[in-house]
Amino acid sequence: MTKQCFGKAAVPLSPAVRAGDFVFVSGQVPVGGDGKVVPGGIGPETRAVLDNVKAALALAGCELKDVVKTTVWLRDRDDFATFNAVYGEYFPSEPPARSTAESRLMIDIAVEIEAVAFKST
């Protein structure tokens, strides 16, 4: 099995790594193209994060439909209902397995998501 890294980040990580038929997407945060945190709280942040997950998947030739597992960290469990509503828009049918936890995050954001996709090469 070979490993292939995709993309560059400002910190020491690869946005996406393919290992065989699996693609691992590093935790994505709600940062826009300008490098700034998207304003507006959990709804807009969740959209930005999932758009960033989608972009990282694309680097490795995958789409959201290929995602088999996500891990989600929320700053505040009270944001869960709003987060879940937005998340459901991105995975409207056959959503991936998911773990969600409340956690203090590395920067002042409301949500971070990592993903694992499966797509045969």
N, C-alpha and C. Protein backbone atom coordinates (compact mmCIF):
# COMPACT_ATOMS: atom_id res chain seq x y z
N MET A 1 0.84 -1.17 0.00
CA MET A 1 0.00 0.00 0.00
C MET A 1 0.89 1.24 0.00
N THR A 2 0.52 2.21 -0.80
CA THR A 2 1.27 3.45 -0.85
C THR A 2 0.46 4.57 -0.20
N LYS A 3 1.17 5.58 0.21
CA LYS A 3 0.54 6.76 0.81
C LYS A 3 0.81 7.94 -0.09
N GLN A 4 -0.23 8.76 -0.32
CA GLN A 4 -0.07 9.95 -1.15
C GLN A 4 -0.73 11.11 -0.42
N CYS A 5 0.03 12.20 -0.26
CA CYS A 5 -0.47 13.39 0.42
C CYS A 5 -0.95 14.41 -0.61
N PHE A 6 -2.01 15.14 -0.26
CA PHE A 6 -2.59 16.13 -1.16
C PHE A 6 -2.69 17.47 -0.46
N GLY A 7 -2.34 18.53 -1.16
CA GLY A 7 -2.50 19.88 -0.66
C GLY A 7 -1.42 20.31 0.31
N LYS A 8 -1.45 21.59 0.63
CA LYS A 8 -0.52 22.18 1.59
C LYS A 8 -1.32 22.95 2.60
N ALA A 9 -0.79 23.05 3.80
CA ALA A 9 -1.43 23.80 4.87
C ALA A 9 -0.41 24.71 5.53
N ALA A 10 -0.90 25.68 6.27
CA ALA A 10 -0.01 26.62 6.96
C ALA A 10 0.61 25.98 8.20
N VAL A 11 0.13 24.82 8.58
CA VAL A 11 0.65 24.08 9.73
C VAL A 11 1.14 22.72 9.24
N PRO A 12 1.90 21.98 10.05
CA PRO A 12 2.48 20.72 9.57
C PRO A 12 1.46 19.58 9.51
N LEU A 13 0.65 19.59 8.43
CA LEU A 13 -0.29 18.51 8.17
C LEU A 13 -0.65 18.54 6.69
N SER A 14 -1.19 17.45 6.22
CA SER A 14 -1.70 17.39 4.85
C SER A 14 -3.22 17.48 4.93
N PRO A 15 -3.85 18.32 4.11
CA PRO A 15 -5.31 18.38 4.14
C PRO A 15 -5.98 17.04 3.86
N ALA A 16 -5.37 16.24 2.97
CA ALA A 16 -5.91 14.92 2.66
C ALA A 16 -4.75 13.96 2.37
N VAL A 17 -4.93 12.72 2.80
CA VAL A 17 -3.94 11.68 2.56
C VAL A 17 -4.67 10.44 2.08
N ARG A 18 -4.22 9.89 0.95
CA ARG A 18 -4.78 8.63 0.47
C ARG A 18 -3.86 7.50 0.92
N ALA A 19 -4.46 6.47 1.50
CA ALA A 19 -3.75 5.24 1.87
C ALA A 19 -4.59 4.10 1.31
N GLY A 20 -4.14 3.56 0.19
CA GLY A 20 -4.93 2.54 -0.50
C GLY A 20 -6.22 3.16 -1.01
N ASP A 21 -7.34 2.55 -0.66
CA ASP A 21 -8.64 3.05 -1.11
C ASP A 21 -9.27 4.02 -0.11
N PHE A 22 -8.58 4.31 0.99
CA PHE A 22 -9.09 5.25 2.00
C PHE A 22 -8.45 6.62 1.84
N VAL A 23 -9.25 7.65 2.05
CA VAL A 23 -8.75 9.02 2.07
C VAL A 23 -9.08 9.61 3.43
N PHE A 24 -8.06 10.12 4.09
CA PHE A 24 -8.21 10.72 5.42
C PHE A 24 -8.09 12.23 5.28
N VAL A 25 -9.13 12.94 5.72
CA VAL A 25 -9.13 14.40 5.64
C VAL A 25 -8.86 14.95 7.03
N SER A 26 -7.82 15.76 7.14
CA SER A 26 -7.49 16.38 8.42
C SER A 26 -8.65 17.25 8.90
N GLY A 27 -8.69 17.49 10.19
CA GLY A 27 -9.73 18.33 10.77
C GLY A 27 -9.80 19.67 10.05
N GLN A 28 -10.98 19.99 9.54
CA GLN A 28 -11.19 21.23 8.81
C GLN A 28 -11.89 22.23 9.74
N VAL A 29 -11.50 23.48 9.59
CA VAL A 29 -12.04 24.55 10.43
C VAL A 29 -12.75 25.58 9.54
N PRO A 30 -13.56 26.45 10.13
CA PRO A 30 -14.35 27.39 9.35
C PRO A 30 -13.58 28.63 8.90
N VAL A 31 -12.57 28.40 8.09
CA VAL A 31 -11.74 29.48 7.56
C VAL A 31 -12.07 29.64 6.08
N GLY A 32 -12.35 30.87 5.68
CA GLY A 32 -12.66 31.15 4.29
C GLY A 32 -11.41 31.30 3.45
N GLY A 33 -11.58 31.59 2.18
CA GLY A 33 -10.46 31.76 1.26
C GLY A 33 -9.51 32.87 1.64
N ASP A 34 -10.00 33.81 2.46
CA ASP A 34 -9.16 34.92 2.91
C ASP A 34 -8.33 34.57 4.14
N GLY A 35 -8.47 33.32 4.63
CA GLY A 35 -7.71 32.88 5.79
C GLY A 35 -8.31 33.30 7.13
N LYS A 36 -9.48 33.91 7.09
CA LYS A 36 -10.13 34.37 8.32
C LYS A 36 -11.30 33.47 8.69
N VAL A 37 -11.57 33.37 9.99
CA VAL A 37 -12.70 32.58 10.47
C VAL A 37 -13.99 33.21 9.95
N VAL A 38 -14.86 32.39 9.43
CA VAL A 38 -16.15 32.83 8.90
C VAL A 38 -17.00 33.31 10.07
N PRO A 39 -17.57 34.51 9.97
CA PRO A 39 -18.40 35.01 11.06
C PRO A 39 -19.81 34.44 11.02
N GLY A 40 -20.54 34.56 12.12
CA GLY A 40 -21.95 34.23 12.12
C GLY A 40 -22.37 33.09 13.01
N GLY A 41 -21.42 32.43 13.68
CA GLY A 41 -21.80 31.36 14.59
C GLY A 41 -21.85 29.99 13.95
N ILE A 42 -22.48 29.08 14.66
CA ILE A 42 -22.42 27.66 14.32
C ILE A 42 -22.97 27.34 12.93
N GLY A 43 -24.04 27.97 12.48
CA GLY A 43 -24.59 27.66 11.15
C GLY A 43 -23.62 27.97 10.03
N PRO A 44 -23.19 29.23 9.90
CA PRO A 44 -22.23 29.57 8.85
C PRO A 44 -20.89 28.84 9.02
N GLU A 45 -20.47 28.64 10.26
CA GLU A 45 -19.20 27.92 10.48
C GLU A 45 -19.30 26.48 10.01
N THR A 46 -20.43 25.82 10.28
CA THR A 46 -20.59 24.43 9.84
C THR A 46 -20.57 24.35 8.33
N ARG A 47 -21.24 25.27 7.65
CA ARG A 47 -21.22 25.29 6.18
C ARG A 47 -19.80 25.46 5.66
N ALA A 48 -19.06 26.40 6.25
CA ALA A 48 -17.67 26.63 5.81
C ALA A 48 -16.81 25.40 6.03
N VAL A 49 -16.96 24.76 7.18
CA VAL A 49 -16.17 23.56 7.47
C VAL A 49 -16.49 22.46 6.46
N LEU A 50 -17.78 22.22 6.21
CA LEU A 50 -18.13 21.16 5.27
C LEU A 50 -17.73 21.49 3.85
N ASP A 51 -17.74 22.76 3.49
CA ASP A 51 -17.21 23.16 2.18
C ASP A 51 -15.71 22.89 2.12
N ASN A 52 -15.00 23.11 3.23
CA ASN A 52 -13.57 22.82 3.28
C ASN A 52 -13.30 21.32 3.24
N VAL A 53 -14.13 20.53 3.90
CA VAL A 53 -14.02 19.07 3.81
C VAL A 53 -14.19 18.65 2.36
N LYS A 54 -15.22 19.19 1.71
CA LYS A 54 -15.49 18.87 0.29
C LYS A 54 -14.28 19.21 -0.58
N ALA A 55 -13.67 20.37 -0.35
CA ALA A 55 -12.50 20.79 -1.14
C ALA A 55 -11.30 19.87 -0.88
N ALA A 56 -11.09 19.47 0.37
CA ALA A 56 -9.98 18.57 0.68
C ALA A 56 -10.20 17.21 0.04
N LEU A 57 -11.43 16.72 0.07
CA LEU A 57 -11.75 15.45 -0.60
C LEU A 57 -11.46 15.53 -2.09
N ALA A 58 -11.80 16.64 -2.70
CA ALA A 58 -11.60 16.81 -4.14
C ALA A 58 -10.12 16.71 -4.51
N LEU A 59 -9.24 17.16 -3.62
CA LEU A 59 -7.80 17.05 -3.89
C LEU A 59 -7.39 15.60 -4.13
N ALA A 60 -8.10 14.68 -3.48
CA ALA A 60 -7.79 13.26 -3.60
C ALA A 60 -8.76 12.52 -4.50
N GLY A 61 -9.56 13.27 -5.28
CA GLY A 61 -10.47 12.65 -6.22
C GLY A 61 -11.72 12.06 -5.59
N CYS A 62 -12.12 12.59 -4.45
CA CYS A 62 -13.31 12.08 -3.75
C CYS A 62 -14.38 13.16 -3.63
N GLU A 63 -15.56 12.73 -3.24
CA GLU A 63 -16.70 13.61 -3.00
C GLU A 63 -17.30 13.29 -1.64
N LEU A 64 -18.23 14.13 -1.20
CA LEU A 64 -18.90 13.88 0.07
C LEU A 64 -19.59 12.52 0.10
N LYS A 65 -20.10 12.06 -1.03
CA LYS A 65 -20.78 10.76 -1.07
C LYS A 65 -19.83 9.61 -0.76
N ASP A 66 -18.52 9.84 -0.85
CA ASP A 66 -17.53 8.80 -0.55
C ASP A 66 -17.17 8.73 0.93
N VAL A 67 -17.64 9.68 1.73
CA VAL A 67 -17.30 9.74 3.15
C VAL A 67 -18.00 8.61 3.89
N VAL A 68 -17.23 7.84 4.66
CA VAL A 68 -17.78 6.74 5.45
C VAL A 68 -17.79 7.03 6.94
N LYS A 69 -17.01 8.03 7.39
CA LYS A 69 -16.93 8.34 8.82
C LYS A 69 -16.49 9.78 9.01
N THR A 70 -17.14 10.48 9.94
CA THR A 70 -16.69 11.80 10.34
C THR A 70 -16.54 11.84 11.85
N THR A 71 -15.67 12.71 12.28
CA THR A 71 -15.54 13.03 13.71
C THR A 71 -15.73 14.53 13.82
N VAL A 72 -16.60 14.93 14.74
CA VAL A 72 -16.98 16.33 14.90
C VAL A 72 -16.68 16.78 16.32
N TRP A 73 -16.10 17.96 16.42
CA TRP A 73 -15.89 18.60 17.72
C TRP A 73 -16.67 19.90 17.72
N LEU A 74 -17.55 20.06 18.71
CA LEU A 74 -18.30 21.28 18.89
C LEU A 74 -17.81 21.98 20.15
N ARG A 75 -17.68 23.27 20.09
CA ARG A 75 -17.28 24.03 21.27
C ARG A 75 -18.36 23.99 22.35
N ASP A 76 -19.62 23.97 21.91
CA ASP A 76 -20.74 24.06 22.85
C ASP A 76 -21.83 23.07 22.44
N ARG A 77 -22.16 22.17 23.33
CA ARG A 77 -23.17 21.17 23.02
C ARG A 77 -24.52 21.78 22.71
N ASP A 78 -24.76 23.00 23.16
CA ASP A 78 -26.02 23.68 22.85
C ASP A 78 -26.13 24.02 21.36
N ASP A 79 -25.02 23.95 20.62
CA ASP A 79 -25.02 24.20 19.18
C ASP A 79 -25.41 22.96 18.37
N PHE A 80 -25.62 21.82 19.05
CA PHE A 80 -25.80 20.56 18.34
C PHE A 80 -26.98 20.58 17.37
N ALA A 81 -28.12 21.09 17.77
CA ALA A 81 -29.30 21.06 16.89
C ALA A 81 -29.06 21.86 15.61
N THR A 82 -28.50 23.06 15.73
CA THR A 82 -28.22 23.87 14.54
C THR A 82 -27.16 23.20 13.68
N PHE A 83 -26.10 22.71 14.32
CA PHE A 83 -25.06 21.99 13.59
C PHE A 83 -25.68 20.82 12.82
N ASN A 84 -26.49 20.03 13.49
CA ASN A 84 -27.06 18.82 12.90
C ASN A 84 -27.94 19.15 11.69
N ALA A 85 -28.68 20.24 11.76
CA ALA A 85 -29.54 20.65 10.64
C ALA A 85 -28.69 20.97 9.41
N VAL A 86 -27.61 21.71 9.60
CA VAL A 86 -26.73 22.05 8.46
C VAL A 86 -26.02 20.80 7.95
N TYR A 87 -25.50 20.00 8.86
CA TYR A 87 -24.80 18.77 8.49
C TYR A 87 -25.70 17.89 7.62
N GLY A 88 -26.97 17.80 7.99
CA GLY A 88 -27.92 16.98 7.23
C GLY A 88 -28.12 17.46 5.80
N GLU A 89 -27.92 18.75 5.55
CA GLU A 89 -28.03 19.27 4.18
C GLU A 89 -26.89 18.74 3.30
N TYR A 90 -25.74 18.49 3.89
CA TYR A 90 -24.58 18.01 3.14
C TYR A 90 -24.59 16.49 2.97
N PHE A 91 -25.29 15.81 3.87
CA PHE A 91 -25.42 14.35 3.80
C PHE A 91 -26.90 13.98 3.89
N PRO A 92 -27.68 14.29 2.82
CA PRO A 92 -29.13 14.12 2.89
C PRO A 92 -29.61 12.66 2.89
N SER A 93 -28.80 11.75 2.35
CA SER A 93 -29.18 10.34 2.37
C SER A 93 -27.92 9.51 2.61
N GLU A 94 -28.11 8.39 3.25
CA GLU A 94 -26.99 7.50 3.60
C GLU A 94 -25.82 8.28 4.20
N PRO A 95 -26.07 9.01 5.32
CA PRO A 95 -24.98 9.76 5.94
C PRO A 95 -23.91 8.81 6.49
N PRO A 96 -22.69 9.32 6.61
CA PRO A 96 -21.61 8.49 7.14
C PRO A 96 -21.79 8.23 8.63
N ALA A 97 -21.06 7.25 9.14
CA ALA A 97 -20.98 7.07 10.59
C ALA A 97 -20.37 8.35 11.16
N ARG A 98 -20.72 8.67 12.41
CA ARG A 98 -20.24 9.94 12.96
C ARG A 98 -20.08 9.84 14.46
N SER A 99 -19.04 10.50 14.96
CA SER A 99 -18.87 10.73 16.39
C SER A 99 -18.87 12.23 16.59
N THR A 100 -19.54 12.70 17.65
CA THR A 100 -19.58 14.13 17.94
C THR A 100 -19.28 14.33 19.41
N ALA A 101 -18.40 15.27 19.70
CA ALA A 101 -18.03 15.55 21.09
C ALA A 101 -17.97 17.06 21.33
N GLU A 102 -18.20 17.43 22.56
CA GLU A 102 -18.00 18.82 22.96
C GLU A 102 -16.55 18.93 23.41
N SER A 103 -15.87 19.97 22.91
CA SER A 103 -14.44 20.09 23.18
C SER A 103 -13.98 21.53 23.06
N ARG A 104 -12.98 21.86 23.81
CA ARG A 104 -12.29 23.13 23.60
C ARG A 104 -11.44 22.96 22.34
N LEU A 105 -11.50 23.93 21.44
CA LEU A 105 -10.79 23.82 20.16
C LEU A 105 -9.55 24.70 20.16
N MET A 106 -8.67 24.47 19.20
CA MET A 106 -7.37 25.13 19.17
C MET A 106 -7.43 26.62 18.88
N ILE A 107 -8.45 27.05 18.13
CA ILE A 107 -8.65 28.47 17.86
C ILE A 107 -10.09 28.82 18.23
N ASP A 108 -10.44 30.08 18.20
CA ASP A 108 -11.77 30.52 18.61
C ASP A 108 -12.79 30.24 17.51
N ILE A 109 -13.23 28.98 17.44
CA ILE A 109 -14.22 28.54 16.46
C ILE A 109 -15.25 27.68 17.17
N ALA A 110 -16.38 27.43 16.49
CA ALA A 110 -17.45 26.64 17.08
C ALA A 110 -17.43 25.17 16.68
N VAL A 111 -16.72 24.82 15.57
CA VAL A 111 -16.80 23.45 15.07
C VAL A 111 -15.54 23.09 14.26
N GLU A 112 -15.17 21.83 14.34
CA GLU A 112 -14.10 21.25 13.52
C GLU A 112 -14.56 19.86 13.11
N ILE A 113 -14.28 19.47 11.87
CA ILE A 113 -14.70 18.15 11.37
C ILE A 113 -13.55 17.51 10.60
N GLU A 114 -13.30 16.21 10.90
CA GLU A 114 -12.40 15.41 10.08
C GLU A 114 -13.24 14.31 9.43
N ALA A 115 -12.73 13.76 8.34
CA ALA A 115 -13.50 12.77 7.60
C ALA A 115 -12.60 11.66 7.06
N VAL A 116 -13.21 10.51 6.88
CA VAL A 116 -12.57 9.38 6.22
C VAL A 116 -13.47 8.98 5.06
N ALA A 117 -12.88 8.89 3.87
CA ALA A 117 -13.62 8.49 2.68
C ALA A 117 -13.06 7.18 2.15
N PHE A 118 -13.87 6.46 1.40
CA PHE A 118 -13.45 5.23 0.76
C PHE A 118 -13.82 5.32 -0.71
N LYS A 119 -12.79 5.18 -1.55
CA LYS A 119 -13.02 5.18 -3.00
C LYS A 119 -11.91 4.38 -3.66
N SER A 120 -12.29 3.35 -4.38
CA SER A 120 -11.30 2.52 -5.06
C SER A 120 -10.55 3.34 -6.10
N THR A 121 -9.25 3.07 -6.20
CA THR A 121 -8.42 3.77 -7.19
C THR A 121 -8.41 3.05 -8.50
